[in-house]
Amino acid sequence: MKKRRGSITATLLIAGVVALTGWGVKEGVDAHDNNKQAEIVRQNAVYIYDTAKRSMEDQRIKTNTDLEQLGRSKLRSWTDDIGGFVKAFEKFKNVELTGDGRFDELSKVPGGIQQALRDMRQNSLTALQLIGGTGGAVGAGVLAGVATTGSVVAFASASTGTAIAALHGIAATNATLAWIGGGTLAAGGLGVAGGTAILGGIFVAPIIAVGGALLNSRAEANLEKARAYQAEARSAAAEMRIIETTLVNISDLSRQCDDFIREFSPRFQLVIRDMNAIYGRHTGISYASTQASEQVDFRSLERNEQYTLLTGCLMAETLKKLMEAPLLTEKGEIDGQIRTIISNCRDVSSQLRVQGI
């Protein structure tokens, strides 16, 4: 009887050991499966993040190229087109509107023609200084700044640090431009202005930080933590898609502005040439001469000559309006007025073309 009782006890002990061993094996298998699943989820999170980031980076490079091109066109136009117009226009005096409906736009210029002329002269001179100060090789950051800032004077002032306090949003805009241009922010820093870049209303630096967290996480992270990383990656990817869309829109607007300047400029140059020729006919001084010892009275000109001068004023004001229109606001968002300004400038250009200009 005792033997039988001992045998039952031994059997129960063995069964218990087997059960415990089986439970332990199951727990080990479950832990392995969880870790394996966690690693799959983590890799998926990295893939989601990296795919969105690569797409955004590709567009960032394209946008920066488009902004550089617009910056070049603006600087050239400020110096050659606007600068050339100012020199030609200053050879005349007593210029006034003739009541011709074709020049109604000029009556709406804030401060009148003379104030517009002063603004044009200052922007033209500043553009020359920017080009001359770099030996003609203007840096990408300067070009992007000129492209997106409303006034080349405002940009030049802010870039030297003399007016940053007065231009409230310039620090944020500079940080944004630094990131678009591949500045220190793209490497995880905070950009040239020491702030976080904002684009499309989204802070760029936190998105970059999410990527760092994903890459630094380890495979042994539990499933719950891996799923949390995945949720962060999806959120960051969604924000990067918004930023990418904003970059696409910036590219599109910069190309529209650049196309307008490139198409408008040759026609404007012909009118400037005609203005100089009018001066030459009335003074006997070659229009190519830099000498302008006397001014010609606008009131003494023939009707068609007055029309040429006023056409030059209208074209200069149209070009000025486009080139002074900022692409980005202080918050790093696309300025809501830029599309309307482009449309209005196109309307003026089309009206001039109908008139054979």
Protein backbone atom coordinates (compact mmCIF):
# COMPACT_ATOMS: atom_id res chain seq x y z
CA MET A 1 0.00 0.00 0.00
CA LYS A 2 2.81 2.35 0.90
CA LYS A 3 4.54 1.48 -2.35
CA ARG A 4 1.44 2.29 -4.33
CA ARG A 5 0.96 5.61 -2.48
CA GLY A 6 4.58 6.54 -3.17
CA SER A 7 4.18 5.67 -6.82
CA ILE A 8 1.12 7.94 -7.11
CA THR A 9 3.01 10.75 -5.41
CA ALA A 10 5.94 10.38 -7.80
CA THR A 11 3.60 10.31 -10.75
CA LEU A 12 1.91 13.52 -9.59
CA LEU A 13 5.29 15.19 -9.06
CA ILE A 14 6.46 14.23 -12.54
CA ALA A 15 3.20 15.47 -14.04
CA GLY A 16 3.61 18.76 -12.20
CA VAL A 17 7.16 19.17 -13.43
CA VAL A 18 6.05 18.39 -16.98
CA ALA A 19 3.19 20.92 -16.70
CA LEU A 20 5.48 23.58 -15.34
CA THR A 21 8.02 22.85 -18.01
CA GLY A 22 5.34 23.04 -20.71
CA TRP A 23 4.08 26.34 -19.27
CA GLY A 24 7.59 27.72 -19.23
CA VAL A 25 8.20 26.63 -22.81
CA LYS A 26 4.90 28.20 -23.87
CA GLU A 27 5.82 31.44 -22.13
CA GLY A 28 9.19 31.39 -23.83
CA VAL A 29 7.60 30.79 -27.21
CA ASP A 30 5.08 33.58 -26.56
CA ALA A 31 7.87 35.95 -25.56
CA HIS A 32 9.82 35.04 -28.68
CA ASP A 33 6.75 35.55 -30.86
CA ASN A 34 6.04 38.90 -29.21
CA ASN A 35 9.60 40.06 -29.78
CA LYS A 36 9.48 38.84 -33.37
CA GLN A 37 6.18 40.64 -33.94
CA ALA A 38 7.55 43.73 -32.20
CA GLU A 39 10.51 43.77 -34.58
CA ILE A 40 8.20 43.42 -37.61
CA VAL A 41 6.06 46.30 -36.36
CA ARG A 42 9.17 48.40 -35.66
CA GLN A 43 10.59 47.75 -39.13
CA ASN A 44 7.25 48.69 -40.63
CA ALA A 45 7.32 51.94 -38.64
CA VAL A 46 10.81 52.72 -39.94
CA TYR A 47 9.67 51.94 -43.50
CA ILE A 48 6.63 54.24 -43.20
CA TYR A 49 8.79 57.04 -41.82
CA ASP A 50 11.70 56.61 -44.25
CA THR A 51 9.45 56.41 -47.32
CA ALA A 52 7.66 59.63 -46.41
CA LYS A 53 10.94 61.34 -45.52
CA ARG A 54 12.62 60.36 -48.81
CA SER A 55 9.68 61.68 -50.81
CA MET A 56 9.69 64.93 -48.82
CA GLU A 57 13.46 65.29 -49.21
CA ASP A 58 13.24 64.83 -52.99
CA GLN A 59 10.64 67.58 -53.17
CA ARG A 60 12.68 69.78 -50.83
CA ILE A 61 15.59 69.63 -53.29
CA LYS A 62 13.32 70.44 -56.26
CA THR A 63 11.75 73.34 -54.38
CA ASN A 64 15.14 74.74 -53.42
CA THR A 65 16.23 74.59 -57.08
CA ASP A 66 13.08 76.45 -58.16
CA LEU A 67 13.58 79.11 -55.46
CA GLU A 68 17.20 79.63 -56.51
CA GLN A 69 16.11 80.14 -60.11
CA LEU A 70 13.45 82.66 -59.09
CA GLY A 71 16.01 84.46 -56.92
CA ARG A 72 18.36 84.79 -59.90
CA SER A 73 15.57 86.10 -62.11
CA LYS A 74 14.50 88.63 -59.49
CA LEU A 75 18.02 89.97 -58.93
CA ARG A 76 18.61 90.27 -62.67
CA SER A 77 15.27 91.97 -63.19
CA TRP A 78 15.78 94.40 -60.29
CA THR A 79 19.14 95.45 -61.70
CA ASP A 80 18.54 95.32 -65.47
CA ASP A 81 14.81 95.88 -65.93
CA ILE A 82 13.85 98.09 -63.00
CA GLY A 83 17.28 99.71 -62.81
CA GLY A 84 17.22 100.43 -66.54
CA PHE A 85 13.73 101.88 -66.31
CA VAL A 86 14.65 104.19 -63.41
CA LYS A 87 17.62 105.59 -65.35
CA ALA A 88 15.46 106.19 -68.42
CA PHE A 89 12.54 107.67 -66.52
CA GLU A 90 14.72 110.12 -64.58
CA LYS A 91 15.62 111.80 -67.89
CA PHE A 92 12.12 113.28 -67.94
CA LYS A 93 10.27 115.71 -65.68
CA ASN A 94 6.68 116.68 -64.94
CA VAL A 95 5.44 113.21 -65.82
CA GLU A 96 1.70 112.99 -65.13
CA LEU A 97 -1.23 110.76 -65.95
CA THR A 98 -3.03 111.73 -69.14
CA GLY A 99 -6.49 110.53 -68.21
CA ASP A 100 -6.10 107.58 -70.56
CA GLY A 101 -8.07 104.66 -69.12
CA ARG A 102 -5.29 102.27 -70.05
CA PHE A 103 -3.21 103.67 -67.20
CA ASP A 104 -5.81 103.64 -64.44
CA GLU A 105 -3.65 101.17 -62.52
CA LEU A 106 -1.01 103.87 -62.08
CA SER A 107 -3.47 106.11 -60.23
CA LYS A 108 -3.79 103.36 -57.58
CA VAL A 109 -0.07 103.22 -56.79
CA PRO A 110 0.44 104.07 -53.08
CA GLY A 111 2.27 107.38 -52.81
CA GLY A 112 2.07 107.95 -56.56
CA ILE A 113 4.62 107.39 -59.32
CA GLN A 114 7.41 109.26 -57.55
CA GLN A 115 7.17 107.10 -54.42
CA ALA A 116 7.13 103.97 -56.56
CA LEU A 117 10.20 105.29 -58.36
CA ARG A 118 12.07 105.74 -55.06
CA ASP A 119 11.20 102.18 -54.03
CA MET A 120 12.36 100.84 -57.39
CA ARG A 121 15.64 102.74 -57.18
CA GLN A 122 16.35 101.41 -53.69
CA ASN A 123 15.55 97.82 -54.60
CA SER A 124 17.66 98.04 -57.74
CA LEU A 125 20.65 99.45 -55.86
CA THR A 126 20.31 96.84 -53.12
CA ALA A 127 20.20 94.05 -55.70
CA LEU A 128 23.39 95.44 -57.24
CA GLN A 129 25.03 95.50 -53.81
CA LEU A 130 24.02 91.90 -53.13
CA ILE A 131 25.51 90.80 -56.44
CA GLY A 132 28.60 92.99 -56.08
CA GLY A 133 29.21 91.91 -52.49
CA THR A 134 29.48 88.29 -53.60
CA GLY A 135 31.60 88.94 -56.67
CA GLY A 136 28.65 87.97 -58.84
CA ALA A 137 28.41 84.46 -57.34
CA VAL A 138 25.30 84.83 -55.18
CA GLY A 139 24.87 82.05 -52.64
CA ALA A 140 21.90 79.69 -52.67
CA GLY A 141 20.67 81.01 -49.33
CA VAL A 142 20.62 84.56 -50.66
CA LEU A 143 18.79 83.48 -53.82
CA ALA A 144 16.12 81.62 -51.85
CA GLY A 145 15.75 84.60 -49.53
CA VAL A 146 15.33 87.01 -52.42
CA ALA A 147 12.80 84.62 -54.01
CA THR A 148 10.56 84.33 -50.95
CA THR A 149 10.95 87.72 -49.26
CA GLY A 150 8.66 90.53 -50.35
CA SER A 151 11.39 93.13 -50.81
CA VAL A 152 15.05 92.67 -51.66
CA VAL A 153 15.73 95.62 -49.36
CA ALA A 154 13.93 93.90 -46.47
CA PHE A 155 15.80 90.65 -47.09
CA ALA A 156 19.20 92.33 -47.31
CA SER A 157 18.53 94.25 -44.11
CA ALA A 158 17.35 91.20 -42.20
CA SER A 159 20.14 88.97 -43.46
CA THR A 160 22.72 91.32 -41.97
CA GLY A 161 20.92 91.23 -38.64
CA THR A 162 20.21 94.96 -38.59
CA ALA A 163 16.47 94.68 -38.91
CA ILE A 164 15.59 91.25 -37.53
CA ALA A 165 13.96 92.77 -34.46
CA ALA A 166 11.78 94.96 -36.62
CA LEU A 167 10.81 92.18 -39.05
CA HIS A 168 9.05 89.95 -36.55
CA GLY A 169 8.77 86.80 -38.65
CA ILE A 170 12.11 86.89 -40.42
CA ALA A 171 13.81 84.54 -37.93
CA ALA A 172 11.24 81.81 -38.51
CA THR A 173 11.37 82.35 -42.25
CA ASN A 174 15.17 82.14 -42.29
CA ALA A 175 15.07 78.86 -40.36
CA THR A 176 12.55 77.53 -42.87
CA LEU A 177 14.74 78.59 -45.79
CA ALA A 178 17.76 77.02 -44.12
CA TRP A 179 15.91 73.72 -43.95
CA ILE A 180 14.63 73.93 -47.54
CA GLY A 181 18.17 74.71 -48.64
CA GLY A 182 19.59 71.71 -46.77
CA GLY A 183 20.96 73.77 -43.90
CA THR A 184 21.82 72.57 -40.44
CA LEU A 185 18.21 71.81 -39.57
CA ALA A 186 18.15 68.99 -42.09
CA ALA A 187 20.91 67.35 -40.07
CA GLY A 188 18.94 67.68 -36.86
CA GLY A 189 19.98 71.20 -35.89
CA LEU A 190 17.85 74.29 -35.62
CA GLY A 191 18.71 76.24 -38.73
CA VAL A 192 20.48 79.55 -39.23
CA ALA A 193 18.07 81.50 -37.07
CA GLY A 194 18.39 79.19 -34.08
CA GLY A 195 14.68 78.40 -34.29
CA THR A 196 12.57 75.50 -35.47
CA ALA A 197 11.59 75.59 -39.13
CA ILE A 198 7.87 75.85 -39.81
CA LEU A 199 6.35 74.79 -43.11
CA GLY A 200 2.68 74.36 -43.84
CA GLY A 201 1.99 75.15 -40.19
CA ILE A 202 4.04 72.16 -39.03
CA PHE A 203 7.23 72.19 -36.95
CA VAL A 204 9.90 70.27 -38.84
CA ALA A 205 12.33 69.54 -35.99
CA PRO A 206 9.95 67.29 -33.96
CA ILE A 207 9.38 65.14 -37.06
CA ILE A 208 13.11 64.64 -37.41
CA ALA A 209 13.27 63.74 -33.71
CA VAL A 210 10.66 61.01 -34.25
CA GLY A 211 12.87 59.48 -36.93
CA GLY A 212 15.80 59.43 -34.52
CA ALA A 213 13.71 57.67 -31.89
CA LEU A 214 12.68 55.01 -34.38
CA LEU A 215 16.21 54.32 -35.52
CA ASN A 216 17.52 54.18 -31.97
CA SER A 217 14.88 51.74 -30.73
CA ARG A 218 15.93 48.08 -30.30
CA ALA A 219 14.38 44.84 -31.55
CA GLU A 220 13.79 43.62 -28.01
CA ALA A 221 11.33 46.43 -27.40
CA ASN A 222 8.00 44.93 -26.43
CA LEU A 223 5.08 44.77 -28.81
CA GLU A 224 3.19 47.58 -27.13
CA LYS A 225 6.15 49.94 -27.43
CA ALA A 226 6.69 48.96 -31.07
CA ARG A 227 3.07 49.74 -31.86
CA ALA A 228 3.48 53.13 -30.19
CA TYR A 229 6.49 53.78 -32.46
CA GLN A 230 4.39 52.73 -35.45
CA ALA A 231 1.64 55.20 -34.50
CA GLU A 232 4.26 57.97 -34.19
CA ALA A 233 5.71 57.03 -37.57
CA ARG A 234 2.29 57.19 -39.22
CA SER A 235 1.60 60.56 -37.63
CA ALA A 236 5.01 61.90 -38.72
CA ALA A 237 4.47 60.53 -42.25
CA ALA A 238 1.11 62.29 -42.46
CA GLU A 239 2.74 65.58 -41.43
CA MET A 240 5.57 65.08 -43.91
CA ARG A 241 3.00 64.59 -46.68
CA ILE A 242 1.46 67.94 -45.71
CA ILE A 243 4.91 69.55 -45.81
CA GLU A 244 5.62 67.93 -49.17
CA THR A 245 2.36 69.32 -50.55
CA THR A 246 3.37 72.77 -49.30
CA LEU A 247 6.76 72.38 -50.98
CA VAL A 248 5.06 71.40 -54.25
CA ASN A 249 2.88 74.52 -54.03
CA ILE A 250 5.92 76.72 -53.31
CA SER A 251 7.66 75.23 -56.36
CA ASP A 252 4.62 75.83 -58.52
CA LEU A 253 4.28 79.47 -57.41
CA SER A 254 7.99 80.17 -57.78
CA ARG A 255 7.93 78.77 -61.33
CA GLN A 256 4.88 80.88 -62.18
CA CYS A 257 6.66 84.01 -60.95
CA ASP A 258 9.86 83.08 -62.77
CA ASP A 259 7.99 82.35 -66.02
CA PHE A 260 6.24 85.72 -65.82
CA ILE A 261 9.49 87.63 -65.28
CA ARG A 262 11.24 85.79 -68.13
CA GLU A 263 8.37 86.45 -70.56
CA PHE A 264 7.72 90.05 -69.47
CA SER A 265 11.32 91.23 -69.28
CA PRO A 266 12.19 91.28 -73.05
CA ARG A 267 9.02 93.26 -73.82
CA PHE A 268 9.82 95.70 -71.02
CA GLN A 269 13.35 96.15 -72.33
CA LEU A 270 11.97 97.23 -75.72
CA VAL A 271 9.88 99.93 -74.05
CA ILE A 272 12.89 101.13 -72.03
CA ARG A 273 14.86 101.34 -75.25
CA ASP A 274 12.07 103.44 -76.79
CA MET A 275 12.07 105.75 -73.75
CA ASN A 276 15.80 106.36 -74.20
CA ALA A 277 15.28 106.93 -77.93
CA ILE A 278 12.62 109.58 -77.18
CA TYR A 279 15.06 111.37 -74.90
CA GLY A 280 17.71 111.22 -77.62
CA ARG A 281 15.39 112.74 -80.22
CA HIS A 282 14.57 115.70 -77.97
CA THR A 283 18.10 116.40 -76.72
CA GLY A 284 20.39 115.15 -79.46
CA ILE A 285 22.11 112.96 -76.87
CA SER A 286 22.55 109.32 -77.81
CA TYR A 287 20.15 107.12 -75.87
CA ALA A 288 23.10 104.83 -75.09
CA SER A 289 24.93 107.70 -73.43
CA THR A 290 25.09 107.79 -69.64
CA GLN A 291 25.09 111.57 -69.86
CA ALA A 292 21.75 113.18 -68.94
CA SER A 293 22.59 116.81 -68.26
CA GLU A 294 19.05 117.97 -68.90
CA GLN A 295 15.58 116.59 -68.38
CA VAL A 296 12.95 116.59 -71.07
CA ASP A 297 9.55 117.99 -70.06
CA PHE A 298 6.88 115.33 -70.37
CA ARG A 299 4.37 117.99 -71.45
CA SER A 300 6.47 118.77 -74.53
CA LEU A 301 6.27 115.23 -75.84
CA GLU A 302 4.02 113.98 -78.61
CA ARG A 303 0.99 111.99 -77.52
CA ASN A 304 2.47 108.67 -78.61
CA GLU A 305 5.71 109.51 -76.78
CA GLN A 306 3.80 110.23 -73.58
CA TYR A 307 2.04 106.93 -74.07
CA THR A 308 5.41 105.14 -74.31
CA LEU A 309 6.61 106.65 -71.03
CA LEU A 310 3.37 105.79 -69.23
CA THR A 311 3.52 102.28 -70.66
CA GLY A 312 7.00 101.97 -69.18
CA CYS A 313 5.63 103.14 -65.82
CA LEU A 314 2.83 100.58 -65.96
CA MET A 315 5.18 97.74 -66.85
CA ALA A 316 7.66 98.74 -64.14
CA GLU A 317 4.91 98.90 -61.51
CA THR A 318 3.53 95.54 -62.63
CA LEU A 319 6.94 93.89 -62.38
CA LYS A 320 7.64 95.59 -59.06
CA LYS A 321 4.34 94.38 -57.62
CA LEU A 322 5.12 90.79 -58.55
CA MET A 323 8.70 90.84 -57.30
CA GLU A 324 7.77 92.48 -54.00
CA ALA A 325 5.09 89.90 -53.26
CA PRO A 326 6.33 87.45 -50.59
CA LEU A 327 5.86 83.73 -51.21
CA LEU A 328 5.97 82.83 -47.50
CA THR A 329 4.39 84.48 -44.49
CA GLU A 330 6.11 85.06 -41.16
CA LYS A 331 4.73 81.67 -40.05
CA GLY A 332 6.38 79.81 -42.89
CA GLU A 333 3.09 79.38 -44.76
CA ILE A 334 2.34 80.33 -48.37
CA ASP A 335 1.13 83.91 -48.54
CA GLY A 336 -2.53 83.94 -49.51
CA GLN A 337 -2.20 87.03 -51.73
CA ILE A 338 0.51 85.76 -54.08
CA ARG A 339 -1.89 83.91 -56.42
CA THR A 340 -4.09 87.00 -56.79
CA ILE A 341 -1.05 89.17 -57.51
CA ILE A 342 0.22 86.75 -60.18
CA SER A 343 -3.23 86.74 -61.78
CA ASN A 344 -3.47 90.53 -61.79
CA CYS A 345 -0.02 90.89 -63.32
CA ARG A 346 -0.96 88.42 -66.05
CA ASP A 347 -4.08 90.48 -66.80
CA VAL A 348 -1.98 93.62 -67.27
CA SER A 349 0.47 91.70 -69.47
CA SER A 350 -2.35 90.36 -71.62
CA GLN A 351 -3.85 93.85 -72.07
CA LEU A 352 -0.46 95.18 -73.14
CA ARG A 353 -0.03 92.33 -75.58
CA VAL A 354 -3.39 93.16 -77.16
CA GLN A 355 -2.05 96.69 -77.67
CA GLY A 356 0.97 95.23 -79.47
CA ILE A 357 3.44 95.55 -76.56
